[in-house]
């Protein structure tokens, strides 16, 4: 008879050995990371541009 601990270990091992699923998960994680970095960079640039336009003093 298989105990719940053994059953969960079998399930865990199947997930690790399922490389196609792992690759999809890694791809999704990388895509999310790239999206967040792009979004963060865009927000930072917009904030920097706002500060630059506020601090510009005309020479004339």
N, C-alpha and C. Protein backbone atom coordinates (compact mmCIF):
# COMPACT_ATOMS: atom_id res chain seq x y z
N UNK A 1 0.84 -1.18 0.00
CA UNK A 1 0.00 0.00 0.00
C UNK A 1 0.89 1.25 0.00
N UNK A 2 0.53 2.24 -0.81
CA UNK A 2 1.31 3.47 -0.93
C UNK A 2 0.76 4.51 0.06
N UNK A 3 1.66 5.04 0.85
CA UNK A 3 1.26 6.07 1.81
C UNK A 3 1.17 7.42 1.12
N UNK A 4 0.62 8.39 1.79
CA UNK A 4 0.47 9.71 1.18
C UNK A 4 1.83 10.37 0.92
N UNK A 5 2.81 10.10 1.80
CA UNK A 5 4.14 10.65 1.57
C UNK A 5 4.78 10.06 0.32
N UNK A 6 4.64 8.76 0.15
CA UNK A 6 5.20 8.12 -1.04
C UNK A 6 4.47 8.59 -2.29
N UNK A 7 3.17 8.76 -2.18
CA UNK A 7 2.39 9.22 -3.32
C UNK A 7 2.79 10.64 -3.73
N UNK A 8 2.99 11.51 -2.77
CA UNK A 8 3.41 12.87 -3.08
C UNK A 8 4.83 12.89 -3.66
N UNK A 9 5.69 11.99 -3.19
CA UNK A 9 7.05 11.91 -3.71
C UNK A 9 7.03 11.43 -5.16
N UNK A 10 6.17 10.48 -5.48
CA UNK A 10 6.06 9.99 -6.85
C UNK A 10 5.58 11.12 -7.75
N UNK A 11 4.59 11.87 -7.29
CA UNK A 11 4.08 13.00 -8.06
C UNK A 11 5.16 14.04 -8.28
N UNK A 12 5.93 14.34 -7.24
CA UNK A 12 7.02 15.31 -7.33
C UNK A 12 8.07 14.86 -8.32
N UNK A 13 8.45 13.59 -8.28
CA UNK A 13 9.44 13.06 -9.21
C UNK A 13 8.95 13.12 -10.65
N UNK A 14 7.67 12.87 -10.87
CA UNK A 14 7.13 12.94 -12.23
C UNK A 14 7.19 14.37 -12.75
N UNK A 15 6.95 15.33 -11.90
CA UNK A 15 7.02 16.72 -12.33
C UNK A 15 8.45 17.12 -12.72
N UNK A 16 9.41 16.67 -11.95
CA UNK A 16 10.80 17.00 -12.26
C UNK A 16 11.25 16.33 -13.55
N UNK A 17 10.82 15.10 -13.75
CA UNK A 17 11.26 14.35 -14.92
C UNK A 17 10.53 14.77 -16.19
N UNK A 18 9.45 15.48 -16.07
CA UNK A 18 8.71 15.94 -17.24
C UNK A 18 9.40 17.18 -17.79
N UNK A 19 10.42 16.97 -18.62
CA UNK A 19 11.27 18.08 -19.05
C UNK A 19 10.54 19.06 -19.95
N UNK A 20 9.60 18.57 -20.75
CA UNK A 20 8.88 19.49 -21.63
C UNK A 20 8.07 20.49 -20.80
N UNK A 21 7.47 20.01 -19.77
CA UNK A 21 6.72 20.90 -18.88
C UNK A 21 7.66 21.87 -18.16
N UNK A 22 8.81 21.38 -17.75
CA UNK A 22 9.79 22.25 -17.08
C UNK A 22 10.28 23.33 -18.03
N UNK A 23 10.53 22.97 -19.28
CA UNK A 23 10.99 23.94 -20.27
C UNK A 23 9.93 25.01 -20.50
N UNK A 24 8.67 24.60 -20.55
CA UNK A 24 7.60 25.57 -20.73
C UNK A 24 7.52 26.51 -19.54
N UNK A 25 7.72 25.98 -18.36
CA UNK A 25 7.68 26.80 -17.15
C UNK A 25 8.85 27.79 -17.15
N UNK A 26 10.02 27.33 -17.53
CA UNK A 26 11.18 28.21 -17.61
C UNK A 26 10.96 29.30 -18.65
N UNK A 27 10.40 28.93 -19.80
CA UNK A 27 10.12 29.91 -20.85
C UNK A 27 9.13 30.96 -20.35
N UNK A 28 8.09 30.51 -19.68
CA UNK A 28 7.09 31.44 -19.15
C UNK A 28 7.70 32.37 -18.10
N UNK A 29 8.54 31.82 -17.24
CA UNK A 29 9.19 32.64 -16.21
C UNK A 29 10.10 33.68 -16.85
N UNK A 30 10.86 33.28 -17.85
CA UNK A 30 11.74 34.23 -18.53
C UNK A 30 10.94 35.32 -19.23
N UNK A 31 9.83 34.94 -19.83
CA UNK A 31 8.97 35.92 -20.51
C UNK A 31 8.41 36.93 -19.51
N UNK A 32 7.95 36.44 -18.36
CA UNK A 32 7.42 37.33 -17.32
C UNK A 32 8.52 38.26 -16.79
N UNK A 33 9.69 37.72 -16.58
CA UNK A 33 10.81 38.53 -16.10
C UNK A 33 11.16 39.63 -17.11
N UNK A 34 11.25 39.26 -18.38
CA UNK A 34 11.57 40.22 -19.43
C UNK A 34 10.51 41.31 -19.50
N UNK A 35 9.25 40.93 -19.40
CA UNK A 35 8.16 41.90 -19.44
C UNK A 35 8.26 42.87 -18.26
N UNK A 36 8.52 42.36 -17.08
CA UNK A 36 8.63 43.21 -15.88
C UNK A 36 9.82 44.16 -16.00
N UNK A 37 10.94 43.67 -16.50
CA UNK A 37 12.12 44.54 -16.67
C UNK A 37 11.82 45.64 -17.68
N UNK A 38 11.16 45.30 -18.78
CA UNK A 38 10.82 46.31 -19.79
C UNK A 38 9.86 47.34 -19.21
N UNK A 39 8.87 46.88 -18.48
CA UNK A 39 7.90 47.79 -17.87
C UNK A 39 8.58 48.70 -16.85
N UNK A 40 9.43 48.13 -16.01
CA UNK A 40 10.15 48.89 -15.00
C UNK A 40 11.05 49.94 -15.65
N UNK A 41 11.75 49.54 -16.72
CA UNK A 41 12.65 50.46 -17.42
C UNK A 41 11.86 51.61 -18.02
N UNK A 42 10.72 51.31 -18.61
CA UNK A 42 9.90 52.35 -19.23
C UNK A 42 9.42 53.35 -18.18
N UNK A 43 8.98 52.86 -17.05
CA UNK A 43 8.52 53.75 -15.98
C UNK A 43 9.67 54.61 -15.48
N UNK A 44 10.84 54.02 -15.30
CA UNK A 44 12.01 54.79 -14.84
C UNK A 44 12.39 55.89 -15.84
N UNK A 45 12.35 55.57 -17.11
CA UNK A 45 12.69 56.56 -18.14
C UNK A 45 11.66 57.69 -18.12
N UNK A 46 10.39 57.36 -17.99
CA UNK A 46 9.36 58.39 -17.94
C UNK A 46 9.56 59.30 -16.73
N UNK A 47 9.90 58.73 -15.59
CA UNK A 47 10.15 59.53 -14.39
C UNK A 47 11.37 60.42 -14.59
N UNK A 48 12.43 59.88 -15.18
CA UNK A 48 13.63 60.67 -15.42
C UNK A 48 13.34 61.82 -16.38
N UNK A 49 12.55 61.57 -17.41
CA UNK A 49 12.21 62.62 -18.37
C UNK A 49 11.37 63.71 -17.71
N UNK A 50 10.48 63.32 -16.81
CA UNK A 50 9.67 64.31 -16.10
C UNK A 50 10.56 65.21 -15.25
N UNK A 51 11.53 64.63 -14.56
CA UNK A 51 12.42 65.43 -13.74
C UNK A 51 13.31 66.33 -14.60
N UNK A 52 13.73 65.85 -15.74
CA UNK A 52 14.57 66.67 -16.63
C UNK A 52 13.79 67.86 -17.16
N UNK A 53 12.54 67.64 -17.54
CA UNK A 53 11.76 68.76 -18.06
C UNK A 53 11.41 69.75 -16.97
N UNK A 54 11.30 69.33 -15.74
CA UNK A 54 11.03 70.25 -14.64
C UNK A 54 12.26 71.07 -14.29
N UNK A 55 13.43 70.48 -14.46
CA UNK A 55 14.65 71.15 -14.05
C UNK A 55 15.31 71.98 -15.13
N UNK A 56 14.74 71.99 -16.35
CA UNK A 56 15.36 72.73 -17.46
C UNK A 56 15.11 74.22 -17.26
N UNK A 57 16.18 74.99 -17.31
CA UNK A 57 16.10 76.44 -17.21
C UNK A 57 16.61 77.03 -18.51
N UNK A 58 15.83 77.90 -19.11
CA UNK A 58 16.24 78.47 -20.40
C UNK A 58 17.36 79.51 -20.16
N UNK A 59 18.28 79.58 -21.10
CA UNK A 59 19.41 80.49 -21.00
C UNK A 59 19.06 81.89 -21.51
N UNK A 60 17.92 82.09 -22.16
CA UNK A 60 17.61 83.39 -22.75
C UNK A 60 16.98 84.37 -21.81
